[in-house]
Amino acid sequence: MKTLSAILFIFPFAGALFAQDAGDGVKANTKQGGGEWQKAKKTPSALYLRQSPGGVADDYKASDFGLGDNYIDKLIPYPPSDKGVRTPFDLWRYGGKDGSSFTTPSLPMSWQKWVIFHQKQKPELMQDVREYMKLRYKLDGTAITGKKMSGGRKKIMAGPVARLPEGLESFEALVGMSADEIRKRDFFPYKPLAHPLHSTAHMVFPDMWIQAHPEHERFDVGHDFPDAYLPEFPPPLFLTTHKEMGDVSRGREITMGNYWEIFEGLLTPEQMEGLKELLRPTPTTWFNQTSHRVTLEPSIGVSCMDCHVNGHTNGAFELAPDTRPNQSRLRVDTPSMRGNYNMMQLSSKRSVRSMDHFSEIEEYFDGDPGMMQHIGPRGAQRSVTNRMGDFNAIIDFSPAPKLGPLGKLFAEKATEQELRGEKLFHGKARCVQCHYGPAFTDDYMHDLQVERFYTGRPEGPIKTFALRGIKDSPPYLHDGRCPTLHDAVEFFNTVLELKLGKQEKEDLVAFLLCL
């Protein structure tokens, strides 16, 4: 048998196989997707490397997924987008496939031009961001009388602050309409929020954080919410192991420089090691020592607790790493780490099942492991991420003095309004169907099918977030589109078609503030 001397090349992106003739009379003829091989007369028994094209259904019909025939045709194809290029604020209107799944460590221009480009673009961009947010919300700083966050310093903002579309008189009128009518008249006030600069994306820190950490100020984009509508800074830290201590941080941001002083004698050695790793900065896609960055000076990166400050959140937002193209990625606010010991599911979309696993895969590289070799990998071993999980596992929820051990209000401590709200929570408002147990979450992912109310790209299942301590974690929903608890109640009143009255909604907010 003659030795086959042809060299075979496989090109997966072209979807075809090619054989290069080496002069022994053996030839191959292929078409994209497999094709037909022809054997030369001299080698009737020669063996060939090949990839079967796979089966194809002759009677295939595309599924509409319940959205309606050709729903994709109702969405806009994604616009061209390179790093740093402005993107539409209404990216929820867009859908489909676009571009590459991978990114590169290269800028689309020289470093000097990159800086100049953004220094010119940022003022114009942020002015447009402020105008867009004014069209969507009335962020006038009105607070709920007598209510503050757990640290006792910051007021809780009142709502709803979402602006109703022209022609819609009230939220009560909204819930009197069907989903089809709301979509047809474009009346839904809680459409998704995009990253202000979706093409670059990455972490955007609030102003209060930047004042304390100017090294994280971006020259390309800034935060789009006023500090009044974000968590208090620095937030208190409560430990399950030392409830008698109350806020162990004593009003200080926990840093690499003070953690030993604060926690020596309170933590075990493994917990102390885990906390140190949560505080240790590492390079990220856009905060690093290379020219692939969005800070004027090189940066040592960010740490877990730069966003999850004191085991809570400072309101920084990012993009979820779980899909492509880049413009389809969902904006996600930093969730609190409080009470993670009672969570069986972490992350909004990826269904991460343990705290040590979450510590291991924290997406500093936008879900692109290829960037690690250019920027520098985190490289945390499992033994280290386990210790990070050990500290995460003792961060407690904020105090709820009116709440009993089984998640019900102490009747003698609660007001009549709060008790009415609790009854609604367990009854007409149907909150308890997803929010129950000690953390007030079912640890499932739910698809609210919000696209019923507007023509846009479906966002799919999102995890149920815990409601314990919810007053400390504005804005609400995974992307912060509901700036206040009042807005969150209005959102679910519409989406779940609950038909709650005005007083019932106020009562429900009163109960949520007790959690």
Protein backbone atom coordinates (compact mmCIF):
# COMPACT_ATOMS: atom_id res chain seq x y z
CA MET A 1 0.00 0.00 0.00
CA LYS A 2 1.44 3.30 -1.05
CA THR A 3 2.06 5.79 1.73
CA LEU A 4 -0.21 8.79 1.51
CA SER A 5 2.02 11.82 1.26
CA ALA A 6 -0.66 14.49 0.88
CA ILE A 7 -0.69 17.18 3.52
CA LEU A 8 -4.16 17.96 4.87
CA PHE A 9 -5.12 21.36 6.10
CA ILE A 10 -8.19 21.99 8.24
CA PHE A 11 -9.77 25.44 8.21
CA PRO A 12 -12.64 25.46 10.75
CA PHE A 13 -13.73 29.01 9.97
CA ALA A 14 -14.14 28.20 6.30
CA GLY A 15 -15.92 24.98 7.17
CA ALA A 16 -14.07 22.99 4.53
CA LEU A 17 -11.36 20.35 4.16
CA PHE A 18 -8.62 20.59 1.62
CA ALA A 19 -6.06 18.05 0.51
CA GLN A 20 -2.88 19.25 -1.12
CA ASP A 21 -1.63 16.98 -3.91
CA ALA A 22 1.93 15.77 -3.15
CA GLY A 23 2.51 14.25 -6.56
CA ASP A 24 1.56 10.65 -5.83
CA GLY A 25 -1.62 10.66 -7.87
CA VAL A 26 -3.88 11.01 -4.85
CA LYS A 27 -6.34 13.89 -5.14
CA ALA A 28 -9.23 15.11 -3.07
CA ASN A 29 -12.11 17.26 -4.15
CA THR A 30 -14.20 18.89 -1.44
CA LYS A 31 -16.90 21.46 -1.08
CA GLN A 32 -17.72 23.62 1.97
CA GLY A 33 -19.45 21.52 4.64
CA GLY A 34 -17.91 18.22 3.58
CA GLY A 35 -18.43 17.60 -0.13
CA GLU A 36 -17.32 14.48 -2.02
CA TRP A 37 -13.93 12.85 -2.01
CA GLN A 38 -12.60 11.26 -5.22
CA LYS A 39 -9.92 8.62 -4.97
CA ALA A 40 -7.21 8.26 -7.62
CA LYS A 41 -6.89 4.99 -9.51
CA LYS A 42 -3.45 4.27 -8.10
CA THR A 43 -4.59 4.19 -4.46
CA PRO A 44 -8.03 2.57 -4.28
CA SER A 45 -7.51 1.60 -0.62
CA ALA A 46 -5.95 4.82 0.67
CA LEU A 47 -7.27 6.19 3.98
CA TYR A 48 -8.25 9.80 4.27
CA LEU A 49 -8.70 12.17 7.17
CA ARG A 50 -12.14 13.66 6.91
CA GLN A 51 -14.86 15.40 8.91
CA SER A 52 -18.43 14.40 8.21
CA PRO A 53 -20.62 17.36 7.33
CA GLY A 54 -23.31 16.38 9.83
CA GLY A 55 -26.98 15.77 9.31
CA VAL A 56 -29.35 18.41 7.99
CA ALA A 57 -33.13 18.32 8.42
CA ASP A 58 -34.83 18.70 5.05
CA ASP A 59 -38.05 19.91 6.66
CA TYR A 60 -36.40 22.28 9.19
CA LYS A 61 -38.50 25.22 10.35
CA ALA A 62 -37.07 27.92 12.59
CA SER A 63 -38.62 28.15 16.05
CA ASP A 64 -39.98 31.53 17.07
CA PHE A 65 -39.41 30.68 20.77
CA GLY A 66 -42.91 32.00 21.43
CA LEU A 67 -41.91 35.50 20.32
CA GLY A 68 -43.76 35.43 17.00
CA ASP A 69 -42.65 34.61 13.48
CA ASN A 70 -39.53 36.41 12.28
CA TYR A 71 -39.12 38.29 15.58
CA ILE A 72 -35.47 38.81 14.77
CA ASP A 73 -36.56 40.95 11.80
CA LYS A 74 -38.12 43.42 14.23
CA LEU A 75 -34.71 44.09 15.79
CA ILE A 76 -31.99 46.32 14.37
CA PRO A 77 -28.67 44.76 13.27
CA TYR A 78 -25.83 45.87 15.51
CA PRO A 79 -23.97 48.96 14.28
CA PRO A 80 -20.22 48.79 13.57
CA SER A 81 -18.36 49.11 16.84
CA ASP A 82 -14.67 49.33 17.63
CA LYS A 83 -13.10 49.98 21.02
CA GLY A 84 -13.97 53.44 22.28
CA VAL A 85 -16.62 54.17 19.64
CA ARG A 86 -19.89 55.50 21.00
CA THR A 87 -22.77 53.06 21.02
CA PRO A 88 -26.54 53.68 21.09
CA PHE A 89 -28.14 54.08 24.52
CA ASP A 90 -31.07 51.94 23.35
CA LEU A 91 -29.12 48.77 22.56
CA TRP A 92 -32.11 46.71 23.67
CA ARG A 93 -33.55 47.45 20.21
CA TYR A 94 -30.72 45.48 18.55
CA GLY A 95 -30.23 41.75 18.16
CA GLY A 96 -28.57 38.90 16.30
CA LYS A 97 -24.99 37.92 15.62
CA ASP A 98 -22.12 40.27 14.93
CA GLY A 99 -18.32 40.46 14.95
CA SER A 100 -15.94 38.14 16.75
CA SER A 101 -16.24 36.36 20.08
CA PHE A 102 -12.68 37.38 20.90
CA THR A 103 -10.95 40.62 21.71
CA THR A 104 -7.32 41.65 21.37
CA PRO A 105 -4.83 43.48 23.59
CA SER A 106 -4.37 46.12 20.90
CA LEU A 107 -5.87 49.59 20.70
CA PRO A 108 -7.37 50.75 17.39
CA MET A 109 -4.88 53.65 17.39
CA SER A 110 -1.69 54.74 19.14
CA TRP A 111 -1.78 55.37 22.90
CA GLN A 112 -1.37 59.11 22.44
CA LYS A 113 -4.24 59.29 19.93
CA TRP A 114 -6.37 57.04 22.19
CA VAL A 115 -6.05 59.47 25.10
CA ILE A 116 -6.69 62.56 22.96
CA PHE A 117 -9.68 60.89 21.28
CA HIS A 118 -11.36 60.18 24.61
CA GLN A 119 -10.48 63.45 26.25
CA LYS A 120 -12.35 65.12 23.41
CA GLN A 121 -15.23 62.63 23.29
CA LYS A 122 -15.91 62.22 27.03
CA PRO A 123 -17.44 65.69 27.75
CA GLU A 124 -19.80 65.35 24.77
CA LEU A 125 -20.64 61.75 25.66
CA MET A 126 -21.37 62.47 29.31
CA GLN A 127 -23.52 65.47 28.43
CA ASP A 128 -25.59 63.21 26.21
CA VAL A 129 -25.71 60.58 28.97
CA ARG A 130 -27.07 63.16 31.41
CA GLU A 131 -29.69 64.28 28.91
CA TYR A 132 -30.70 60.67 28.26
CA MET A 133 -31.03 59.95 31.99
CA LYS A 134 -33.16 63.10 32.39
CA LEU A 135 -35.48 61.79 29.69
CA ARG A 136 -35.87 58.52 31.58
CA TYR A 137 -35.80 59.60 35.23
CA LYS A 138 -36.50 62.49 37.55
CA LEU A 139 -33.48 62.17 39.83
CA ASP A 140 -34.18 65.17 42.05
CA GLY A 141 -32.91 63.69 45.32
CA THR A 142 -36.27 63.43 47.10
CA ALA A 143 -35.87 61.10 50.09
CA ILE A 144 -38.28 58.92 52.06
CA THR A 145 -39.00 60.76 55.29
CA GLY A 146 -37.21 59.32 58.30
CA LYS A 147 -35.60 56.36 56.48
CA LYS A 148 -31.87 55.75 56.19
CA MET A 149 -29.57 52.95 55.14
CA SER A 150 -28.07 50.59 57.69
CA GLY A 151 -25.05 52.79 58.34
CA GLY A 152 -27.43 55.50 59.58
CA ARG A 153 -25.84 58.22 57.42
CA LYS A 154 -27.44 58.04 53.99
CA LYS A 155 -31.05 58.80 53.12
CA ILE A 156 -33.14 56.41 51.05
CA MET A 157 -34.51 57.94 47.89
CA ALA A 158 -38.27 58.08 47.23
CA GLY A 159 -39.93 57.22 43.95
CA PRO A 160 -41.09 56.27 41.50
CA VAL A 161 -38.69 58.46 39.54
CA ALA A 162 -39.15 56.86 36.11
CA ARG A 163 -40.75 59.32 33.71
CA LEU A 164 -43.93 58.19 32.02
CA PRO A 165 -44.10 58.44 28.23
CA GLU A 166 -46.12 61.27 26.74
CA GLY A 167 -49.78 60.30 26.61
CA LEU A 168 -49.65 58.11 29.73
CA GLU A 169 -51.30 59.80 32.69
CA SER A 170 -50.22 57.58 35.59
CA PHE A 171 -48.75 54.25 36.62
CA GLU A 172 -52.24 53.20 37.61
CA ALA A 173 -53.37 53.77 34.01
CA LEU A 174 -50.43 51.67 32.82
CA VAL A 175 -51.45 48.53 34.68
CA GLY A 176 -54.96 48.85 33.27
CA MET A 177 -53.57 48.09 29.80
CA SER A 178 -52.67 44.77 28.26
CA ALA A 179 -49.06 43.87 27.44
CA ASP A 180 -49.87 44.12 23.71
CA GLU A 181 -51.28 47.62 24.10
CA ILE A 182 -48.33 48.81 26.18
CA ARG A 183 -45.93 47.48 23.55
CA LYS A 184 -47.93 48.90 20.65
CA ARG A 185 -48.09 52.37 22.21
CA ASP A 186 -44.50 52.20 23.49
CA PHE A 187 -45.58 53.02 27.03
CA PHE A 188 -43.26 50.75 29.03
CA PRO A 189 -41.07 53.03 31.24
CA TYR A 190 -38.56 50.41 32.42
CA LYS A 191 -36.66 49.39 29.34
CA PRO A 192 -33.10 48.06 29.87
CA LEU A 193 -30.14 50.31 30.58
CA ALA A 194 -27.00 49.97 28.49
CA HIS A 195 -23.42 50.78 29.41
CA PRO A 196 -22.80 54.44 28.43
CA LEU A 197 -19.82 53.26 26.36
CA HIS A 198 -20.74 49.70 25.48
CA SER A 199 -17.94 49.22 22.94
CA THR A 200 -15.26 49.47 25.64
CA ALA A 201 -17.50 48.76 28.66
CA HIS A 202 -15.75 47.39 31.78
CA MET A 203 -16.11 48.75 35.30
CA VAL A 204 -17.42 52.26 35.88
CA PHE A 205 -17.01 53.48 39.45
CA PRO A 206 -19.28 56.12 41.07
CA ASP A 207 -18.06 59.60 41.92
CA MET A 208 -17.84 58.89 45.66
CA TRP A 209 -15.40 56.04 44.96
CA ILE A 210 -13.33 58.09 42.53
CA GLN A 211 -12.89 60.83 45.16
CA ALA A 212 -11.23 58.27 47.43
CA HIS A 213 -9.53 56.36 44.58
CA PRO A 214 -8.60 58.76 41.78
CA GLU A 215 -6.49 56.02 40.15
CA HIS A 216 -9.77 54.45 38.98
CA GLU A 217 -11.05 57.55 37.19
CA ARG A 218 -11.60 56.74 33.54
CA PHE A 219 -10.76 59.27 30.85
CA ASP A 220 -13.40 57.83 28.51
CA VAL A 221 -16.65 57.62 30.51
CA GLY A 222 -18.17 58.21 33.95
CA HIS A 223 -21.02 56.87 36.07
CA ASP A 224 -24.54 57.81 34.97
CA PHE A 225 -26.32 57.80 38.38
CA PRO A 226 -25.93 60.51 41.05
CA ASP A 227 -24.42 59.26 44.31
CA ALA A 228 -27.73 59.90 46.10
CA TYR A 229 -29.23 56.91 44.26
CA LEU A 230 -26.35 54.55 45.08
CA PRO A 231 -25.35 52.63 48.25
CA GLU A 232 -23.72 54.45 51.14
CA PHE A 233 -19.93 54.69 51.17
CA PRO A 234 -18.20 53.21 52.97
CA PRO A 235 -20.91 50.72 53.92
CA PRO A 236 -20.98 48.88 57.24
CA LEU A 237 -19.77 45.30 57.48
CA PHE A 238 -21.56 42.77 59.65
CA LEU A 239 -20.17 39.32 60.51
CA THR A 240 -22.19 36.22 61.31
CA THR A 241 -19.49 35.26 63.80
CA HIS A 242 -19.54 38.52 65.75
CA LYS A 243 -23.02 40.02 65.83
CA GLU A 244 -22.12 41.68 69.12
CA MET A 245 -19.62 43.89 67.25
CA GLY A 246 -22.20 45.46 64.96
CA ASP A 247 -20.39 47.25 62.13
CA VAL A 248 -16.85 45.93 62.45
CA SER A 249 -15.54 48.48 59.95
CA ARG A 250 -16.48 51.42 62.21
CA GLY A 251 -17.19 53.63 59.21
CA ARG A 252 -13.92 52.88 57.44
CA GLU A 253 -13.28 51.37 54.04
CA ILE A 254 -11.41 48.13 54.57
CA THR A 255 -8.10 48.22 52.71
CA MET A 256 -4.87 46.29 52.45
CA GLY A 257 -3.42 48.88 54.83
CA ASN A 258 -5.92 48.46 57.68
CA TYR A 259 -7.47 45.00 57.43
CA TRP A 260 -4.99 43.43 59.86
CA GLU A 261 -5.63 46.05 62.51
CA ILE A 262 -9.41 45.65 62.17
CA PHE A 263 -9.66 41.86 62.01
CA GLU A 264 -6.71 40.53 64.04
CA GLY A 265 -8.33 38.55 66.84
CA LEU A 266 -11.71 38.32 65.05
CA LEU A 267 -10.97 36.07 62.07
CA THR A 268 -9.42 32.66 61.71
CA PRO A 269 -6.11 32.47 59.80
CA GLU A 270 -7.88 31.09 56.71
CA GLN A 271 -10.50 33.84 56.80
CA MET A 272 -7.75 36.44 57.19
CA GLU A 273 -5.93 35.01 54.17
CA GLY A 274 -9.16 35.04 52.16
CA LEU A 275 -9.85 38.66 53.05
CA LYS A 276 -6.33 39.64 52.02
CA GLU A 277 -6.90 38.06 48.60
CA LEU A 278 -10.23 39.86 48.22
CA LEU A 279 -8.34 43.12 48.83
CA ARG A 280 -5.40 42.36 46.52
CA PRO A 281 -5.59 44.25 43.19
CA THR A 282 -4.87 42.42 39.95
CA PRO A 283 -4.69 43.69 36.35
CA THR A 284 -7.91 43.68 34.35
CA THR A 285 -8.77 44.19 30.70
CA TRP A 286 -8.89 47.98 31.01
CA PHE A 287 -7.26 48.70 34.40
CA ASN A 288 -3.65 47.57 34.10
CA GLN A 289 -0.04 48.50 33.48
CA THR A 290 -0.17 48.28 29.66
CA SER A 291 -1.45 50.80 27.12
CA HIS A 292 -4.66 48.77 26.83
CA ARG A 293 -6.28 50.81 29.59
CA VAL A 294 -8.76 53.61 30.32
CA THR A 295 -6.85 55.37 33.10
CA LEU A 296 -4.35 58.09 32.35
CA GLU A 297 -1.64 56.49 34.48
CA PRO A 298 -0.77 52.78 34.63
CA SER A 299 -2.74 50.89 37.27
CA ILE A 300 -2.08 47.86 39.43
CA GLY A 301 -5.67 46.89 38.65
CA VAL A 302 -8.70 46.40 40.85
CA SER A 303 -9.59 44.03 43.67
CA CYS A 304 -12.82 42.21 44.45
CA MET A 305 -13.53 44.70 47.21
CA ASP A 306 -13.04 47.70 44.96
CA CYS A 307 -16.57 47.01 43.70
CA HIS A 308 -17.80 44.85 46.59
CA VAL A 309 -16.49 47.41 49.07
CA ASN A 310 -16.64 46.15 52.68
CA GLY A 311 -18.35 43.02 51.39
CA HIS A 312 -21.27 45.05 50.04
CA THR A 313 -21.38 47.18 46.87
CA ASN A 314 -20.53 50.74 45.86
CA GLY A 315 -22.84 50.80 42.82
CA ALA A 316 -20.14 50.21 40.20
CA PHE A 317 -21.46 48.58 37.04
CA GLU A 318 -19.97 46.41 34.30
CA LEU A 319 -21.17 44.13 31.53
CA ALA A 320 -22.06 40.50 32.10
CA PRO A 321 -19.44 38.25 30.47
CA ASP A 322 -21.86 35.57 29.33
CA THR A 323 -22.69 36.38 25.71
CA ARG A 324 -21.48 37.86 22.45
CA PRO A 325 -21.50 40.05 20.45
CA ASN A 326 -20.17 42.62 22.88
CA GLN A 327 -23.12 44.93 22.29
CA SER A 328 -25.56 42.23 23.39
CA ARG A 329 -23.97 41.85 26.83
CA LEU A 330 -26.23 42.93 29.68
CA ARG A 331 -25.27 45.77 31.96
CA VAL A 332 -24.95 44.44 35.52
CA ASP A 333 -24.68 46.33 38.79
CA THR A 334 -22.33 45.05 41.49
CA PRO A 335 -24.39 42.84 43.82
CA SER A 336 -23.85 42.80 47.56
CA MET A 337 -21.81 39.96 49.09
CA ARG A 338 -23.93 40.15 52.23
CA GLY A 339 -25.64 36.90 53.10
CA ASN A 340 -23.92 34.87 50.39
CA TYR A 341 -23.63 32.07 52.94
CA ASN A 342 -27.35 31.47 52.34
CA MET A 343 -27.20 31.65 48.53
CA MET A 344 -27.05 28.50 46.44
CA GLN A 345 -26.72 30.40 43.15
CA LEU A 346 -24.44 33.32 42.39
CA SER A 347 -24.09 35.59 39.35
CA SER A 348 -27.04 36.98 37.40
CA LYS A 349 -26.85 34.72 34.32
CA ARG A 350 -24.14 32.08 34.68
CA SER A 351 -25.63 30.04 37.54
CA VAL A 352 -22.39 29.81 39.54
CA ARG A 353 -22.96 27.35 42.37
CA SER A 354 -20.42 28.12 45.09
CA MET A 355 -18.54 31.05 46.60
CA ASP A 356 -15.11 29.52 46.03
CA HIS A 357 -15.99 28.83 42.41
CA PHE A 358 -17.18 32.40 41.99
CA SER A 359 -13.90 33.66 43.47
CA GLU A 360 -12.01 31.51 40.98
CA ILE A 361 -13.82 32.68 37.84
CA GLU A 362 -14.48 36.32 38.65
CA GLU A 363 -14.50 37.85 35.19
CA TYR A 364 -11.67 40.37 35.26
CA PHE A 365 -11.10 39.73 31.57
CA ASP A 366 -14.61 40.13 30.15
CA GLY A 367 -14.94 36.40 29.67
CA ASP A 368 -11.94 36.23 27.35
CA PRO A 369 -9.14 34.04 28.75
CA GLY A 370 -6.96 34.97 25.79
CA MET A 371 -6.41 38.41 27.34
CA MET A 372 -4.76 36.92 30.41
CA GLN A 373 -1.48 36.14 28.70
CA HIS A 374 -1.20 39.77 27.59
CA ILE A 375 -2.38 41.56 30.74
CA GLY A 376 -1.37 39.04 33.40
CA PRO A 377 -3.51 36.26 34.88
CA ARG A 378 -4.99 36.32 38.35
CA GLY A 379 -3.71 32.78 38.77
CA ALA A 380 -5.39 32.12 42.12
CA GLN A 381 -5.13 28.46 43.10
CA ARG A 382 -8.15 26.57 44.37
CA SER A 383 -6.78 26.60 47.93
CA VAL A 384 -6.68 30.41 47.76
CA THR A 385 -10.14 30.84 46.27
CA ASN A 386 -11.47 28.48 48.94
CA ARG A 387 -10.15 30.89 51.57
CA MET A 388 -11.73 33.82 49.76
CA GLY A 389 -14.97 31.88 49.99
CA ASP A 390 -14.32 31.31 53.69
CA PHE A 391 -14.41 35.04 54.37
CA ASN A 392 -17.32 35.59 52.01
CA ALA A 393 -19.22 32.97 54.01
CA ILE A 394 -19.29 35.03 57.22
CA ILE A 395 -20.51 38.36 55.77
CA ASP A 396 -23.94 38.88 57.28
CA PHE A 397 -26.98 40.77 56.12
CA SER A 398 -27.61 44.17 57.66
CA PRO A 399 -29.73 44.18 60.85
CA ALA A 400 -33.51 43.93 60.53
CA PRO A 401 -34.77 44.51 64.09
CA LYS A 402 -38.44 44.21 63.15
CA LEU A 403 -37.96 40.85 61.45
CA GLY A 404 -38.40 37.61 63.39
CA PRO A 405 -36.44 34.35 63.02
CA LEU A 406 -38.91 32.94 60.47
CA GLY A 407 -38.91 36.03 58.25
CA LYS A 408 -42.14 37.50 59.63
CA LEU A 409 -42.48 40.89 61.27
CA PHE A 410 -42.76 41.16 65.03
CA ALA A 411 -46.31 42.54 65.24
CA GLU A 412 -45.51 44.61 68.32
CA LYS A 413 -42.59 46.33 66.56
CA ALA A 414 -44.16 46.96 63.14
CA THR A 415 -46.50 49.74 62.04
CA GLU A 416 -49.93 49.05 60.59
CA GLN A 417 -48.63 50.04 57.15
CA GLU A 418 -45.69 47.63 57.39
CA LEU A 419 -48.01 44.81 58.44
CA ARG A 420 -50.32 45.57 55.50
CA GLY A 421 -47.28 45.44 53.22
CA GLU A 422 -46.26 42.08 54.64
CA LYS A 423 -49.73 40.71 53.92
CA LEU A 424 -49.49 41.96 50.35
CA PHE A 425 -45.99 40.46 50.00
CA HIS A 426 -47.37 37.03 50.90
CA GLY A 427 -50.63 37.51 49.05
CA LYS A 428 -51.84 39.75 46.25
CA ALA A 429 -48.37 41.04 45.26
CA ARG A 430 -47.13 37.43 44.89
CA CYS A 431 -43.59 38.42 45.91
CA VAL A 432 -43.25 35.30 48.06
CA GLN A 433 -43.43 33.03 45.01
CA CYS A 434 -39.79 33.95 44.25
CA HIS A 435 -38.66 35.66 47.46
CA TYR A 436 -38.86 33.42 50.50
CA GLY A 437 -36.67 31.82 53.13
CA PRO A 438 -34.03 33.53 55.30
CA ALA A 439 -32.52 35.42 52.34
CA PHE A 440 -35.87 36.08 50.63
CA THR A 441 -34.80 34.38 47.42
CA ASP A 442 -35.69 31.05 45.83
CA ASP A 443 -32.22 30.58 44.29
CA TYR A 444 -33.74 30.05 40.87
CA MET A 445 -33.47 31.93 37.60
CA HIS A 446 -36.68 33.30 36.11
CA ASP A 447 -37.52 34.66 32.69
CA LEU A 448 -39.94 37.53 33.27
CA GLN A 449 -40.49 37.80 29.50
CA VAL A 450 -40.33 41.59 29.75
CA GLU A 451 -40.16 41.79 25.95
CA ARG A 452 -43.95 41.34 26.04
CA PHE A 453 -44.12 45.05 26.89
CA TYR A 454 -41.75 46.48 24.29
CA THR A 455 -40.16 45.39 21.04
CA GLY A 456 -36.63 44.50 21.98
CA ARG A 457 -34.10 41.74 22.41
CA PRO A 458 -35.26 39.22 25.06
CA GLU A 459 -32.94 39.12 28.06
CA GLY A 460 -33.84 35.60 29.15
CA PRO A 461 -33.63 34.14 32.66
CA ILE A 462 -32.09 36.24 35.44
CA LYS A 463 -31.43 34.99 38.97
CA THR A 464 -33.72 35.97 41.82
CA PHE A 465 -31.83 38.47 43.95
CA ALA A 466 -32.16 38.40 47.74
CA LEU A 467 -34.44 40.98 49.36
CA ARG A 468 -32.84 40.87 52.80
CA GLY A 469 -31.27 44.26 53.40
CA ILE A 470 -32.63 45.50 50.06
CA LYS A 471 -32.88 49.12 51.21
CA ASP A 472 -29.06 49.29 51.17
CA SER A 473 -28.60 48.24 47.52
CA PRO A 474 -30.07 50.75 45.05
CA PRO A 475 -30.53 50.90 42.10
CA TYR A 476 -32.57 47.76 41.43
CA LEU A 477 -32.82 44.93 38.89
CA HIS A 478 -29.64 43.53 37.37
CA ASP A 479 -28.97 46.68 35.32
CA GLY A 480 -30.21 49.32 37.75
CA ARG A 481 -33.14 50.44 35.59
CA CYS A 482 -35.27 50.87 38.74
CA PRO A 483 -33.53 53.57 40.80
CA THR A 484 -35.78 53.24 43.88
CA LEU A 485 -37.82 50.60 45.67
CA HIS A 486 -40.93 52.41 44.46
CA ASP A 487 -39.73 51.91 40.89
CA ALA A 488 -39.06 48.22 41.53
CA VAL A 489 -42.62 47.81 42.83
CA GLU A 490 -44.00 49.63 39.77
CA PHE A 491 -41.92 47.41 37.48
CA PHE A 492 -43.25 44.16 38.95
CA ASN A 493 -46.77 45.54 39.27
CA THR A 494 -46.71 46.03 35.49
CA VAL A 495 -44.74 42.97 34.39
CA LEU A 496 -46.65 40.52 36.62
CA GLU A 497 -49.96 42.34 36.00
CA LEU A 498 -50.71 42.52 39.73
CA LYS A 499 -53.04 45.54 39.59
CA LEU A 500 -51.90 46.92 42.94
CA GLY A 501 -53.45 50.23 43.97
CA LYS A 502 -51.47 53.31 44.94
CA GLN A 503 -51.78 52.74 48.70
CA GLU A 504 -50.97 49.06 48.31
CA LYS A 505 -47.73 49.93 46.56
CA GLU A 506 -46.77 52.32 49.36
CA ASP A 507 -47.54 49.62 51.93
CA LEU A 508 -45.37 47.13 50.06
CA VAL A 509 -42.42 49.54 50.01
CA ALA A 510 -42.86 50.07 53.75
CA PHE A 511 -42.50 46.33 54.30
CA LEU A 512 -39.45 46.06 52.01
CA LEU A 513 -37.72 48.73 54.09
CA CYS A 514 -38.05 46.41 57.10
CA LEU A 515 -36.10 43.61 55.48
